[in-house]
Structures are given as structure tokens and as C-alpha cells.
Amino acid sequence: MAAQKEAAVMPSKKPVAKPRKPGVRRVLPVSAAAFERAAEARANKPATRKTGAPAKRRTYETSDGEVERVEVHLPVALSTELRVYCARERVKVTAAVIDAVRALLKGAA
């Protein structure tokens, strides 16, 4: 029993975190110079365009035939007006835009 009491009294060994040393970490002059050279090269480099292959065109089959996705940006007020019009007339936004673009192109021709 005495051995059991001794084992129960022994403190458990927990890992102790060592405190960090205060101060600034050293930066090697070689790496600082390389960073500065790279930053200078990026600043002096002219803007370039991507010259990779063009993106694949995506077409979809609908009841109107084959259509292609085209993204347009509209002012918020015009976008809201278009959605309200489509809801009131019970037409799809796509159909309304198709009709508007066709009318625009016929007028330009």
C-alpha cells in the first residue's frame, strides 16, 4: 500500500512551453536585397495581356434553339425595370433581351 501512496503523490510531468526571447528576428541581407530587386522588377514591368487560347464558347439548347451565354452589365434601375417588365408580361428575361437586341440591330441596319 505504501507503494500505491507514493505513486499517487508523484507529480505528473507536463510539457512546459519555453518563453520566447524578445527582440526582432534577423533578416538576412541577401534575402532583403532579393526582395527589393523583385519588387523593383514588378514595378517597372509593363502590363501584359494573356495570350493563351481563347475560352471555349458555351452554347445551350433551349426551346428557342441554340443559344450562347453573353454577360451584360446594366445600371441597377434599368435592371430592376427589366425584371419588373418581364414579371408583369410573364416573359423570360432572356426572351426580352433577345427581342430588344434584334430591334436594336434592325434599326441600325
N, C-alpha and C. Protein backbone atom coordinates (compact mmCIF):
# COMPACT_ATOMS: atom_id res chain seq x y z
N MET A 1 0.80 -1.18 0.00
CA MET A 1 0.00 0.00 0.00
C MET A 1 0.85 1.26 0.00
N ALA A 2 1.99 1.16 0.61
CA ALA A 2 2.87 2.32 0.67
C ALA A 2 3.33 2.70 -0.74
N ALA A 3 3.54 1.72 -1.58
CA ALA A 3 3.96 1.98 -2.95
C ALA A 3 2.85 2.68 -3.72
N GLN A 4 1.60 2.32 -3.43
CA GLN A 4 0.47 2.96 -4.11
C GLN A 4 0.36 4.43 -3.70
N LYS A 5 0.58 4.74 -2.41
CA LYS A 5 0.50 6.13 -1.95
C LYS A 5 1.60 6.97 -2.60
N GLU A 6 2.80 6.40 -2.72
CA GLU A 6 3.91 7.13 -3.34
C GLU A 6 3.60 7.43 -4.80
N ALA A 7 3.02 6.47 -5.50
CA ALA A 7 2.70 6.66 -6.91
C ALA A 7 1.63 7.73 -7.07
N ALA A 8 0.68 7.82 -6.18
CA ALA A 8 -0.39 8.80 -6.27
C ALA A 8 0.12 10.20 -5.97
N VAL A 9 1.16 10.32 -5.16
CA VAL A 9 1.67 11.63 -4.75
C VAL A 9 2.62 12.21 -5.79
N MET A 10 3.22 11.39 -6.63
CA MET A 10 4.21 11.86 -7.61
C MET A 10 3.53 12.83 -8.60
N PRO A 11 4.13 13.99 -8.82
CA PRO A 11 3.53 14.93 -9.78
C PRO A 11 3.69 14.42 -11.21
N SER A 12 2.70 14.74 -12.03
CA SER A 12 2.78 14.31 -13.43
C SER A 12 3.68 15.27 -14.19
N LYS A 13 4.36 14.76 -15.19
CA LYS A 13 5.27 15.59 -15.98
C LYS A 13 4.50 16.11 -17.20
N LYS A 14 4.21 17.41 -17.20
CA LYS A 14 3.53 18.05 -18.32
C LYS A 14 4.56 18.84 -19.12
N PRO A 15 4.37 18.94 -20.42
CA PRO A 15 5.31 19.74 -21.21
C PRO A 15 5.19 21.21 -20.83
N VAL A 16 6.32 21.86 -20.75
CA VAL A 16 6.35 23.26 -20.38
C VAL A 16 6.78 24.06 -21.60
N ALA A 17 6.01 25.08 -21.94
CA ALA A 17 6.37 25.93 -23.07
C ALA A 17 7.44 26.90 -22.64
N LYS A 18 8.47 27.02 -23.46
CA LYS A 18 9.54 27.95 -23.16
C LYS A 18 9.13 29.35 -23.62
N PRO A 19 9.40 30.35 -22.84
CA PRO A 19 9.05 31.71 -23.27
C PRO A 19 9.92 32.14 -24.44
N ARG A 20 9.33 32.93 -25.34
CA ARG A 20 10.09 33.41 -26.49
C ARG A 20 11.03 34.52 -26.07
N LYS A 21 12.12 34.61 -26.77
CA LYS A 21 13.07 35.67 -26.49
C LYS A 21 12.58 36.95 -27.14
N PRO A 22 12.63 38.05 -26.41
CA PRO A 22 12.19 39.31 -27.01
C PRO A 22 13.20 39.78 -28.05
N GLY A 23 12.74 40.62 -28.95
CA GLY A 23 13.64 41.17 -29.95
C GLY A 23 13.11 40.93 -31.36
N VAL A 24 13.77 41.52 -32.31
CA VAL A 24 13.38 41.43 -33.71
C VAL A 24 14.14 40.28 -34.35
N ARG A 25 13.42 39.53 -35.19
CA ARG A 25 14.08 38.45 -35.90
C ARG A 25 15.02 39.04 -36.95
N ARG A 26 16.13 38.41 -37.09
CA ARG A 26 17.10 38.88 -38.08
C ARG A 26 16.66 38.51 -39.48
N VAL A 27 16.86 39.40 -40.41
CA VAL A 27 16.60 39.13 -41.82
C VAL A 27 17.94 39.14 -42.52
N LEU A 28 18.19 38.11 -43.27
CA LEU A 28 19.47 38.04 -43.98
C LEU A 28 19.52 39.14 -45.04
N PRO A 29 20.65 39.83 -45.16
CA PRO A 29 20.75 40.91 -46.16
C PRO A 29 20.56 40.40 -47.58
N VAL A 30 20.92 39.15 -47.84
CA VAL A 30 20.77 38.59 -49.18
C VAL A 30 19.28 38.47 -49.53
N SER A 31 18.46 37.99 -48.61
CA SER A 31 17.05 37.84 -48.91
C SER A 31 16.35 39.19 -49.01
N ALA A 32 16.78 40.18 -48.22
CA ALA A 32 16.20 41.52 -48.30
C ALA A 32 16.53 42.15 -49.64
N ALA A 33 17.74 41.99 -50.10
CA ALA A 33 18.15 42.55 -51.39
C ALA A 33 17.38 41.88 -52.53
N ALA A 34 17.20 40.58 -52.44
CA ALA A 34 16.46 39.85 -53.48
C ALA A 34 15.01 40.32 -53.52
N PHE A 35 14.43 40.54 -52.35
CA PHE A 35 13.05 41.03 -52.29
C PHE A 35 12.94 42.41 -52.94
N GLU A 36 13.89 43.30 -52.64
CA GLU A 36 13.86 44.64 -53.21
C GLU A 36 14.03 44.60 -54.73
N ARG A 37 14.93 43.74 -55.23
CA ARG A 37 15.12 43.62 -56.68
C ARG A 37 13.84 43.12 -57.36
N ALA A 38 13.19 42.14 -56.75
CA ALA A 38 11.96 41.58 -57.33
C ALA A 38 10.84 42.63 -57.31
N ALA A 39 10.74 43.41 -56.23
CA ALA A 39 9.71 44.46 -56.15
C ALA A 39 9.96 45.52 -57.21
N GLU A 40 11.22 45.88 -57.42
CA GLU A 40 11.56 46.87 -58.45
C GLU A 40 11.22 46.35 -59.84
N ALA A 41 11.51 45.08 -60.10
CA ALA A 41 11.23 44.48 -61.40
C ALA A 41 9.72 44.45 -61.66
N ARG A 42 8.92 44.14 -60.62
CA ARG A 42 7.47 44.12 -60.78
C ARG A 42 6.93 45.51 -61.06
N ALA A 43 7.49 46.52 -60.41
CA ALA A 43 7.02 47.89 -60.59
C ALA A 43 7.34 48.42 -61.98
N ASN A 44 8.48 48.01 -62.55
CA ASN A 44 8.91 48.51 -63.86
C ASN A 44 8.39 47.67 -65.02
N LYS A 45 7.77 46.53 -64.72
CA LYS A 45 7.30 45.63 -65.77
C LYS A 45 6.00 46.17 -66.39
N PRO A 46 5.95 46.29 -67.70
CA PRO A 46 4.71 46.78 -68.32
C PRO A 46 3.60 45.74 -68.20
N ALA A 47 2.36 46.21 -68.20
CA ALA A 47 1.22 45.30 -68.12
C ALA A 47 1.15 44.47 -69.39
N THR A 48 0.88 43.19 -69.23
CA THR A 48 0.80 42.31 -70.40
C THR A 48 -0.57 41.67 -70.46
N ARG A 49 -0.97 41.32 -71.66
CA ARG A 49 -2.23 40.62 -71.87
C ARG A 49 -1.98 39.14 -71.91
N LYS A 50 -2.95 38.38 -71.47
CA LYS A 50 -2.84 36.93 -71.57
C LYS A 50 -2.96 36.55 -73.04
N THR A 51 -2.07 35.68 -73.48
CA THR A 51 -2.10 35.30 -74.89
C THR A 51 -2.43 33.82 -75.05
N GLY A 52 -3.05 33.24 -74.03
CA GLY A 52 -3.40 31.83 -74.11
C GLY A 52 -4.55 31.59 -75.07
N ALA A 53 -4.96 30.38 -75.15
CA ALA A 53 -6.07 30.03 -76.04
C ALA A 53 -7.35 30.70 -75.56
N PRO A 54 -8.21 31.11 -76.48
CA PRO A 54 -9.47 31.74 -76.07
C PRO A 54 -10.35 30.74 -75.33
N ALA A 55 -11.20 31.28 -74.48
CA ALA A 55 -12.09 30.42 -73.71
C ALA A 55 -13.06 29.72 -74.64
N LYS A 56 -13.45 28.53 -74.26
CA LYS A 56 -14.39 27.75 -75.06
C LYS A 56 -15.76 28.41 -74.99
N ARG A 57 -16.40 28.58 -76.13
CA ARG A 57 -17.73 29.19 -76.15
C ARG A 57 -18.74 28.17 -75.66
N ARG A 58 -19.64 28.62 -74.82
CA ARG A 58 -20.65 27.72 -74.26
C ARG A 58 -21.99 28.00 -74.92
N THR A 59 -22.55 27.00 -75.51
CA THR A 59 -23.87 27.14 -76.11
C THR A 59 -24.82 26.18 -75.44
N TYR A 60 -26.11 26.53 -75.45
CA TYR A 60 -27.12 25.72 -74.79
C TYR A 60 -28.29 25.52 -75.74
N GLU A 61 -28.93 24.40 -75.60
CA GLU A 61 -30.15 24.12 -76.36
C GLU A 61 -31.34 24.56 -75.54
N THR A 62 -32.19 25.40 -76.12
CA THR A 62 -33.42 25.82 -75.46
C THR A 62 -34.58 25.63 -76.41
N SER A 63 -35.77 26.00 -75.95
CA SER A 63 -36.94 25.89 -76.83
C SER A 63 -36.84 26.87 -78.00
N ASP A 64 -36.03 27.92 -77.85
CA ASP A 64 -35.82 28.90 -78.93
C ASP A 64 -34.72 28.45 -79.88
N GLY A 65 -34.10 27.33 -79.63
CA GLY A 65 -32.98 26.86 -80.44
C GLY A 65 -31.70 26.93 -79.64
N GLU A 66 -30.59 26.99 -80.35
CA GLU A 66 -29.29 27.03 -79.68
C GLU A 66 -28.98 28.47 -79.27
N VAL A 67 -28.60 28.66 -78.03
CA VAL A 67 -28.26 30.00 -77.52
C VAL A 67 -26.87 29.97 -76.91
N GLU A 68 -26.26 31.15 -76.84
CA GLU A 68 -24.93 31.28 -76.27
C GLU A 68 -25.02 32.24 -75.09
N ARG A 69 -24.26 31.96 -74.06
CA ARG A 69 -24.27 32.83 -72.88
C ARG A 69 -23.42 34.06 -73.15
N VAL A 70 -24.01 35.25 -72.89
CA VAL A 70 -23.32 36.53 -73.02
C VAL A 70 -23.61 37.31 -71.74
N GLU A 71 -22.59 37.87 -71.15
CA GLU A 71 -22.77 38.61 -69.90
C GLU A 71 -22.86 40.10 -70.20
N VAL A 72 -23.87 40.76 -69.63
CA VAL A 72 -24.01 42.21 -69.77
C VAL A 72 -24.14 42.83 -68.39
N HIS A 73 -23.76 44.08 -68.30
CA HIS A 73 -23.87 44.82 -67.04
C HIS A 73 -24.82 45.99 -67.27
N LEU A 74 -25.86 46.06 -66.47
CA LEU A 74 -26.87 47.11 -66.60
C LEU A 74 -26.88 47.97 -65.35
N PRO A 75 -27.26 49.24 -65.49
CA PRO A 75 -27.47 50.05 -64.29
C PRO A 75 -28.56 49.41 -63.43
N VAL A 76 -28.48 49.60 -62.14
CA VAL A 76 -29.40 48.95 -61.20
C VAL A 76 -30.85 49.30 -61.52
N ALA A 77 -31.13 50.56 -61.80
CA ALA A 77 -32.51 50.97 -62.09
C ALA A 77 -33.05 50.29 -63.35
N LEU A 78 -32.22 50.22 -64.39
CA LEU A 78 -32.64 49.58 -65.64
C LEU A 78 -32.85 48.08 -65.44
N SER A 79 -31.97 47.46 -64.67
CA SER A 79 -32.09 46.03 -64.38
C SER A 79 -33.39 45.74 -63.64
N THR A 80 -33.71 46.57 -62.66
CA THR A 80 -34.95 46.40 -61.90
C THR A 80 -36.16 46.58 -62.80
N GLU A 81 -36.11 47.61 -63.65
CA GLU A 81 -37.21 47.87 -64.58
C GLU A 81 -37.41 46.70 -65.54
N LEU A 82 -36.32 46.11 -66.00
CA LEU A 82 -36.40 44.95 -66.90
C LEU A 82 -37.05 43.77 -66.20
N ARG A 83 -36.64 43.48 -64.97
CA ARG A 83 -37.23 42.36 -64.24
C ARG A 83 -38.71 42.57 -63.95
N VAL A 84 -39.08 43.80 -63.60
CA VAL A 84 -40.49 44.10 -63.34
C VAL A 84 -41.31 43.94 -64.62
N TYR A 85 -40.78 44.43 -65.73
CA TYR A 85 -41.45 44.28 -67.02
C TYR A 85 -41.67 42.81 -67.36
N CYS A 86 -40.61 42.01 -67.20
CA CYS A 86 -40.70 40.58 -67.52
C CYS A 86 -41.71 39.87 -66.62
N ALA A 87 -41.76 40.24 -65.36
CA ALA A 87 -42.72 39.61 -64.45
C ALA A 87 -44.15 40.01 -64.83
N ARG A 88 -44.35 41.29 -65.15
CA ARG A 88 -45.68 41.77 -65.50
C ARG A 88 -46.18 41.14 -66.80
N GLU A 89 -45.28 41.01 -67.79
CA GLU A 89 -45.65 40.46 -69.10
C GLU A 89 -45.53 38.93 -69.14
N ARG A 90 -45.02 38.35 -68.07
CA ARG A 90 -44.82 36.90 -67.97
C ARG A 90 -43.93 36.36 -69.12
N VAL A 91 -42.80 37.02 -69.30
CA VAL A 91 -41.81 36.56 -70.28
C VAL A 91 -40.48 36.38 -69.57
N LYS A 92 -39.64 35.54 -70.15
CA LYS A 92 -38.31 35.34 -69.59
C LYS A 92 -37.45 36.56 -69.90
N VAL A 93 -36.51 36.85 -69.00
CA VAL A 93 -35.59 37.96 -69.22
C VAL A 93 -34.81 37.74 -70.50
N THR A 94 -34.39 36.51 -70.76
CA THR A 94 -33.64 36.19 -71.96
C THR A 94 -34.44 36.54 -73.20
N ALA A 95 -35.72 36.18 -73.23
CA ALA A 95 -36.56 36.47 -74.39
C ALA A 95 -36.71 37.98 -74.59
N ALA A 96 -36.86 38.72 -73.51
CA ALA A 96 -36.99 40.17 -73.62
C ALA A 96 -35.71 40.80 -74.15
N VAL A 97 -34.57 40.32 -73.68
CA VAL A 97 -33.29 40.86 -74.14
C VAL A 97 -33.08 40.50 -75.62
N ILE A 98 -33.43 39.28 -76.01
CA ILE A 98 -33.29 38.87 -77.41
C ILE A 98 -34.12 39.80 -78.31
N ASP A 99 -35.37 40.06 -77.92
CA ASP A 99 -36.23 40.94 -78.72
C ASP A 99 -35.65 42.35 -78.79
N ALA A 100 -35.14 42.86 -77.68
CA ALA A 100 -34.59 44.21 -77.66
C ALA A 100 -33.34 44.32 -78.53
N VAL A 101 -32.47 43.32 -78.48
CA VAL A 101 -31.24 43.34 -79.29
C VAL A 101 -31.59 43.21 -80.77
N ARG A 102 -32.55 42.36 -81.10
CA ARG A 102 -32.97 42.23 -82.51
C ARG A 102 -33.53 43.55 -83.03
N ALA A 103 -34.36 44.21 -82.22
CA ALA A 103 -34.93 45.50 -82.64
C ALA A 103 -33.81 46.55 -82.79
N LEU A 104 -32.84 46.54 -81.91
CA LEU A 104 -31.73 47.48 -81.99
C LEU A 104 -30.92 47.24 -83.26
N LEU A 105 -30.63 45.98 -83.58
CA LEU A 105 -29.82 45.68 -84.77
C LEU A 105 -30.58 45.94 -86.05
N LYS A 106 -31.89 45.71 -86.06
CA LYS A 106 -32.69 46.02 -87.26
C LYS A 106 -32.71 47.52 -87.50
N GLY A 107 -32.78 48.30 -86.44
CA GLY A 107 -32.80 49.75 -86.57
C GLY A 107 -31.46 50.30 -87.05
N ALA A 108 -30.37 49.62 -86.68
CA ALA A 108 -29.03 50.07 -87.08
C ALA A 108 -28.73 49.70 -88.52
N ALA A 109 -29.40 48.71 -89.06
CA ALA A 109 -29.09 48.24 -90.43
C ALA A 109 -29.76 49.04 -91.50
